[in-house]
């Protein structure tokens, strides 16, 4: 093939790629305009109010656009009743230990360990000692935000 035809095809291919890239940026730009941009947040835990849910259970949480991080403080003997939610959950134990009753099993999660709970899977937990746990939810838990999580409130 003569050199001029090769250059012409190369220019056409390059031009098509450039046009596709521009269209892609335009689409992304249009989509980004319709969705509010997530704000950068820097939040020290000591600035987040500590919510007393019952005598053995406290929590704090921070909410992003599509994710929520909760710091949950459980005294030894605290029971989180059987419940389920459409949110996927990661539980990381910072201190202490939680025994989970989930999917027909008892699983004890200790400090430094993680449990991944799929959405809609019923689970219950018991604090085997004073425990600090970090829970990550996606999407954020609307019942926690709206304080309609009655299963956690009251005497336990």
C-alpha atoms as a PDB file:
ATOM      1  CA  UNK A   1       0.000   0.000   0.000  1.00  0.00           C
ATOM      2  CA  UNK A   2       1.387   3.412  -0.904  1.00  0.00           C
ATOM      3  CA  UNK A   3       2.567   5.583   1.969  1.00  0.00           C
ATOM      4  CA  UNK A   4      -0.007   8.335   1.343  1.00  0.00           C
ATOM      5  CA  UNK A   5      -2.911   5.870   1.730  1.00  0.00           C
ATOM      6  CA  UNK A   6      -1.409   4.530   4.984  1.00  0.00           C
ATOM      7  CA  UNK A   7      -1.081   8.087   6.323  1.00  0.00           C
ATOM      8  CA  UNK A   8      -4.642   8.899   5.225  1.00  0.00           C
ATOM      9  CA  UNK A   9      -6.077   5.804   6.976  1.00  0.00           C
ATOM     10  CA  UNK A  10      -4.009   6.550  10.056  1.00  0.00           C
ATOM     11  CA  UNK A  11      -5.291  10.168  10.116  1.00  0.00           C
ATOM     12  CA  UNK A  12      -8.903   8.958   9.684  1.00  0.00           C
ATOM     13  CA  UNK A  13      -8.516   6.433  12.514  1.00  0.00           C
ATOM     14  CA  UNK A  14      -6.913   9.073  14.747  1.00  0.00           C
ATOM     15  CA  UNK A  15      -9.675  11.576  13.913  1.00  0.00           C
ATOM     16  CA  UNK A  16     -12.381   8.979  14.704  1.00  0.00           C
ATOM     17  CA  UNK A  17     -10.716   8.156  18.038  1.00  0.00           C
ATOM     18  CA  UNK A  18     -10.490  11.860  18.887  1.00  0.00           C
ATOM     19  CA  UNK A  19     -14.165  12.389  18.029  1.00  0.00           C
ATOM     20  CA  UNK A  20     -15.189   9.371  20.127  1.00  0.00           C
ATOM     21  CA  UNK A  21     -13.146  10.676  23.061  1.00  0.00           C
ATOM     22  CA  UNK A  22     -14.776  14.113  22.774  1.00  0.00           C
ATOM     23  CA  UNK A  23     -18.276  12.549  22.654  1.00  0.00           C
ATOM     24  CA  UNK A  24     -17.418  10.391  25.658  1.00  0.00           C
ATOM     25  CA  UNK A  25     -16.282  13.470  27.625  1.00  0.00           C
ATOM     26  CA  UNK A  26     -19.448  15.325  26.594  1.00  0.00           C
ATOM     27  CA  UNK A  27     -21.649  12.457  27.803  1.00  0.00           C
ATOM     28  CA  UNK A  28     -19.750  12.175  31.078  1.00  0.00           C
ATOM     29  CA  UNK A  29     -19.953  15.948  31.535  1.00  0.00           C
ATOM     30  CA  UNK A  30     -23.728  15.935  30.917  1.00  0.00           C
ATOM     31  CA  UNK A  31     -24.202  13.050  33.365  1.00  0.00           C
ATOM     32  CA  UNK A  32     -22.059  14.767  36.007  1.00  0.00           C
ATOM     33  CA  UNK A  33     -24.122  17.934  35.733  1.00  0.00           C
ATOM     34  CA  UNK A  34     -27.332  16.068  36.589  1.00  0.00           C
ATOM     35  CA  UNK A  35     -25.840  14.319  39.650  1.00  0.00           C
ATOM     36  CA  UNK A  36     -24.669  16.507  42.516  1.00  0.00           C
ATOM     37  CA  UNK A  37     -20.943  16.209  43.040  1.00  0.00           C
ATOM     38  CA  UNK A  38     -19.967  14.463  46.260  1.00  0.00           C
ATOM     39  CA  UNK A  39     -18.322  16.791  48.737  1.00  0.00           C
ATOM     40  CA  UNK A  40     -14.963  16.038  50.262  1.00  0.00           C
ATOM     41  CA  UNK A  41     -15.397  15.455  53.987  1.00  0.00           C
ATOM     42  CA  UNK A  42     -12.789  15.357  56.764  1.00  0.00           C
ATOM     43  CA  UNK A  43     -14.458  14.221  59.974  1.00  0.00           C
ATOM     44  CA  UNK A  44     -12.673  13.377  63.228  1.00  0.00           C
ATOM     45  CA  UNK A  45     -14.735  10.860  65.244  1.00  0.00           C
ATOM     46  CA  UNK A  46     -14.720  13.166  68.293  1.00  0.00           C
ATOM     47  CA  UNK A  47     -16.740  15.676  66.220  1.00  0.00           C
ATOM     48  CA  UNK A  48     -19.496  13.127  65.409  1.00  0.00           C
ATOM     49  CA  UNK A  49     -22.286  12.937  68.027  1.00  0.00           C
ATOM     50  CA  UNK A  50     -22.388   9.677  69.968  1.00  0.00           C
ATOM     51  CA  UNK A  51     -25.923   8.280  69.833  1.00  0.00           C
ATOM     52  CA  UNK A  52     -27.147   6.227  72.805  1.00  0.00           C
ATOM     53  CA  UNK A  53     -29.430   3.500  71.435  1.00  0.00           C
ATOM     54  CA  UNK A  54     -29.770   1.502  74.650  1.00  0.00           C
ATOM     55  CA  UNK A  55     -27.700   1.085  77.843  1.00  0.00           C
ATOM     56  CA  UNK A  56     -25.292  -1.315  76.090  1.00  0.00           C
ATOM     57  CA  UNK A  57     -25.134   0.206  72.587  1.00  0.00           C
ATOM     58  CA  UNK A  58     -23.855   3.478  71.147  1.00  0.00           C
ATOM     59  CA  UNK A  59     -22.935   4.525  67.636  1.00  0.00           C
ATOM     60  CA  UNK A  60     -21.645   7.268  65.388  1.00  0.00           C
ATOM     61  CA  UNK A  61     -21.810   7.371  61.628  1.00  0.00           C
ATOM     62  CA  UNK A  62     -20.658   9.340  58.615  1.00  0.00           C
ATOM     63  CA  UNK A  63     -22.575   9.245  55.350  1.00  0.00           C
ATOM     64  CA  UNK A  64     -21.146   9.686  51.863  1.00  0.00           C
ATOM     65  CA  UNK A  65     -23.028   9.706  48.594  1.00  0.00           C
ATOM     66  CA  UNK A  66     -23.185   5.906  48.173  1.00  0.00           C
ATOM     67  CA  UNK A  67     -21.584   4.606  51.372  1.00  0.00           C
ATOM     68  CA  UNK A  68     -21.836   4.849  55.158  1.00  0.00           C
ATOM     69  CA  UNK A  69     -19.240   4.209  57.867  1.00  0.00           C
ATOM     70  CA  UNK A  70     -20.450   3.565  61.409  1.00  0.00           C
ATOM     71  CA  UNK A  71     -18.462   3.272  64.615  1.00  0.00           C
ATOM     72  CA  UNK A  72     -20.453   1.015  66.935  1.00  0.00           C
ATOM     73  CA  UNK A  73     -19.662   0.644  70.652  1.00  0.00           C
ATOM     74  CA  UNK A  74     -21.116  -2.452  72.328  1.00  0.00           C
ATOM     75  CA  UNK A  75     -20.787  -3.366  75.995  1.00  0.00           C
ATOM     76  CA  UNK A  76     -20.264  -7.017  76.909  1.00  0.00           C
ATOM     77  CA  UNK A  77     -23.598  -8.858  76.676  1.00  0.00           C
ATOM     78  CA  UNK A  78     -25.167  -6.443  74.190  1.00  0.00           C
ATOM     79  CA  UNK A  79     -27.444  -8.245  71.740  1.00  0.00           C
ATOM     80  CA  UNK A  80     -28.145  -6.894  68.273  1.00  0.00           C
ATOM     81  CA  UNK A  81     -31.451  -8.646  67.481  1.00  0.00           C
ATOM     82  CA  UNK A  82     -32.031 -10.698  64.352  1.00  0.00           C
ATOM     83  CA  UNK A  83     -32.568  -8.382  61.400  1.00  0.00           C
ATOM     84  CA  UNK A  84     -31.771  -7.989  57.727  1.00  0.00           C
ATOM     85  CA  UNK A  85     -31.415  -5.100  55.316  1.00  0.00           C
ATOM     86  CA  UNK A  86     -30.910  -4.552  51.614  1.00  0.00           C
ATOM     87  CA  UNK A  87     -27.536  -2.927  52.333  1.00  0.00           C
ATOM     88  CA  UNK A  88     -24.336  -4.873  51.866  1.00  0.00           C
ATOM     89  CA  UNK A  89     -22.289  -4.718  55.082  1.00  0.00           C
ATOM     90  CA  UNK A  90     -18.646  -5.063  56.043  1.00  0.00           C
ATOM     91  CA  UNK A  91     -17.955  -5.376  59.768  1.00  0.00           C
ATOM     92  CA  UNK A  92     -14.416  -4.800  61.024  1.00  0.00           C
ATOM     93  CA  UNK A  93     -13.752  -5.410  64.720  1.00  0.00           C
ATOM     94  CA  UNK A  94     -11.321  -2.832  66.117  1.00  0.00           C
ATOM     95  CA  UNK A  95     -11.435  -4.066  69.745  1.00  0.00           C
ATOM     96  CA  UNK A  96     -13.243  -6.935  71.426  1.00  0.00           C
ATOM     97  CA  UNK A  97     -15.275  -9.686  69.774  1.00  0.00           C
ATOM     98  CA  UNK A  98     -18.755 -10.215  68.339  1.00  0.00           C
ATOM     99  CA  UNK A  99     -20.456 -13.579  67.912  1.00  0.00           C
ATOM    100  CA  UNK A 100     -22.702 -13.538  64.837  1.00  0.00           C
ATOM    101  CA  UNK A 101     -25.603 -15.883  64.260  1.00  0.00           C
ATOM    102  CA  UNK A 102     -25.882 -15.889  60.490  1.00  0.00           C
ATOM    103  CA  UNK A 103     -26.753 -18.274  57.684  1.00  0.00           C
ATOM    104  CA  UNK A 104     -27.246 -21.160  60.145  1.00  0.00           C
ATOM    105  CA  UNK A 105     -23.771 -20.640  61.634  1.00  0.00           C
ATOM    106  CA  UNK A 106     -22.168 -19.048  64.673  1.00  0.00           C
ATOM    107  CA  UNK A 107     -19.156 -16.980  63.643  1.00  0.00           C
ATOM    108  CA  UNK A 108     -17.005 -15.169  66.198  1.00  0.00           C
ATOM    109  CA  UNK A 109     -15.220 -12.147  64.774  1.00  0.00           C
ATOM    110  CA  UNK A 110     -12.267 -10.861  66.829  1.00  0.00           C
ATOM    111  CA  UNK A 111     -10.223  -7.663  66.747  1.00  0.00           C
ATOM    112  CA  UNK A 112      -8.490  -7.310  63.391  1.00  0.00           C
ATOM    113  CA  UNK A 113     -11.011  -9.507  61.564  1.00  0.00           C
ATOM    114  CA  UNK A 114     -13.684  -8.693  58.986  1.00  0.00           C
ATOM    115  CA  UNK A 115     -17.083 -10.192  58.194  1.00  0.00           C
ATOM    116  CA  UNK A 116     -18.775  -9.485  54.852  1.00  0.00           C
ATOM    117  CA  UNK A 117     -22.560  -9.779  55.107  1.00  0.00           C
ATOM    118  CA  UNK A 118     -24.463  -9.926  51.802  1.00  0.00           C
ATOM    119  CA  UNK A 119     -27.622  -7.884  51.384  1.00  0.00           C
ATOM    120  CA  UNK A 120     -30.867  -9.372  52.743  1.00  0.00           C
ATOM    121  CA  UNK A 121     -29.103 -11.994  54.880  1.00  0.00           C
ATOM    122  CA  UNK A 122     -30.677 -12.213  58.370  1.00  0.00           C
ATOM    123  CA  UNK A 123     -28.139 -11.886  61.178  1.00  0.00           C
ATOM    124  CA  UNK A 124     -27.872 -11.343  64.928  1.00  0.00           C
ATOM    125  CA  UNK A 125     -24.846 -10.459  67.052  1.00  0.00           C
ATOM    126  CA  UNK A 126     -23.735 -10.712  70.677  1.00  0.00           C
ATOM    127  CA  UNK A 127     -20.842  -8.760  72.214  1.00  0.00           C
ATOM    128  CA  UNK A 128     -18.596 -11.285  73.983  1.00  0.00           C
ATOM    129  CA  UNK A 129     -16.666  -8.406  75.557  1.00  0.00           C
ATOM    130  CA  UNK A 130     -16.683  -4.622  75.291  1.00  0.00           C
ATOM    131  CA  UNK A 131     -16.336  -4.112  71.548  1.00  0.00           C
ATOM    132  CA  UNK A 132     -15.610  -1.339  69.056  1.00  0.00           C
ATOM    133  CA  UNK A 133     -16.672  -2.209  65.544  1.00  0.00           C
ATOM    134  CA  UNK A 134     -16.623  -0.335  62.259  1.00  0.00           C
ATOM    135  CA  UNK A 135     -19.491  -1.120  59.909  1.00  0.00           C
ATOM    136  CA  UNK A 136     -19.483  -0.091  56.266  1.00  0.00           C
ATOM    137  CA  UNK A 137     -22.807  -0.094  54.418  1.00  0.00           C
ATOM    138  CA  UNK A 138     -23.662   0.451  50.813  1.00  0.00           C
ATOM    139  CA  UNK A 139     -25.982   2.084  50.154  1.00  0.00           C
ATOM    140  CA  UNK A 140     -26.230   4.068  53.425  1.00  0.00           C
ATOM    141  CA  UNK A 141     -28.754   2.776  55.990  1.00  0.00           C
ATOM    142  CA  UNK A 142     -31.832   5.000  55.666  1.00  0.00           C
ATOM    143  CA  UNK A 143     -33.339   3.496  58.855  1.00  0.00           C
ATOM    144  CA  UNK A 144     -30.291   4.624  60.831  1.00  0.00           C
ATOM    145  CA  UNK A 145     -30.276   8.082  59.270  1.00  0.00           C
ATOM    146  CA  UNK A 146     -34.030   8.521  59.873  1.00  0.00           C
ATOM    147  CA  UNK A 147     -33.841   6.900  63.333  1.00  0.00           C
ATOM    148  CA  UNK A 148     -36.511   4.310  62.480  1.00  0.00           C
ATOM    149  CA  UNK A 149     -34.309   1.404  63.600  1.00  0.00           C
ATOM    150  CA  UNK A 150     -36.505   0.375  66.548  1.00  0.00           C
ATOM    151  CA  UNK A 151     -34.884  -3.072  66.773  1.00  0.00           C
ATOM    152  CA  UNK A 152     -31.772  -1.379  68.248  1.00  0.00           C
ATOM    153  CA  UNK A 153     -33.471   1.045  70.651  1.00  0.00           C
ATOM    154  CA  UNK A 154     -34.565   0.481  74.237  1.00  0.00           C
ATOM    155  CA  UNK A 155     -33.519  -2.064  76.854  1.00  0.00           C
ATOM    156  CA  UNK A 156     -31.082  -4.756  75.736  1.00  0.00           C
END
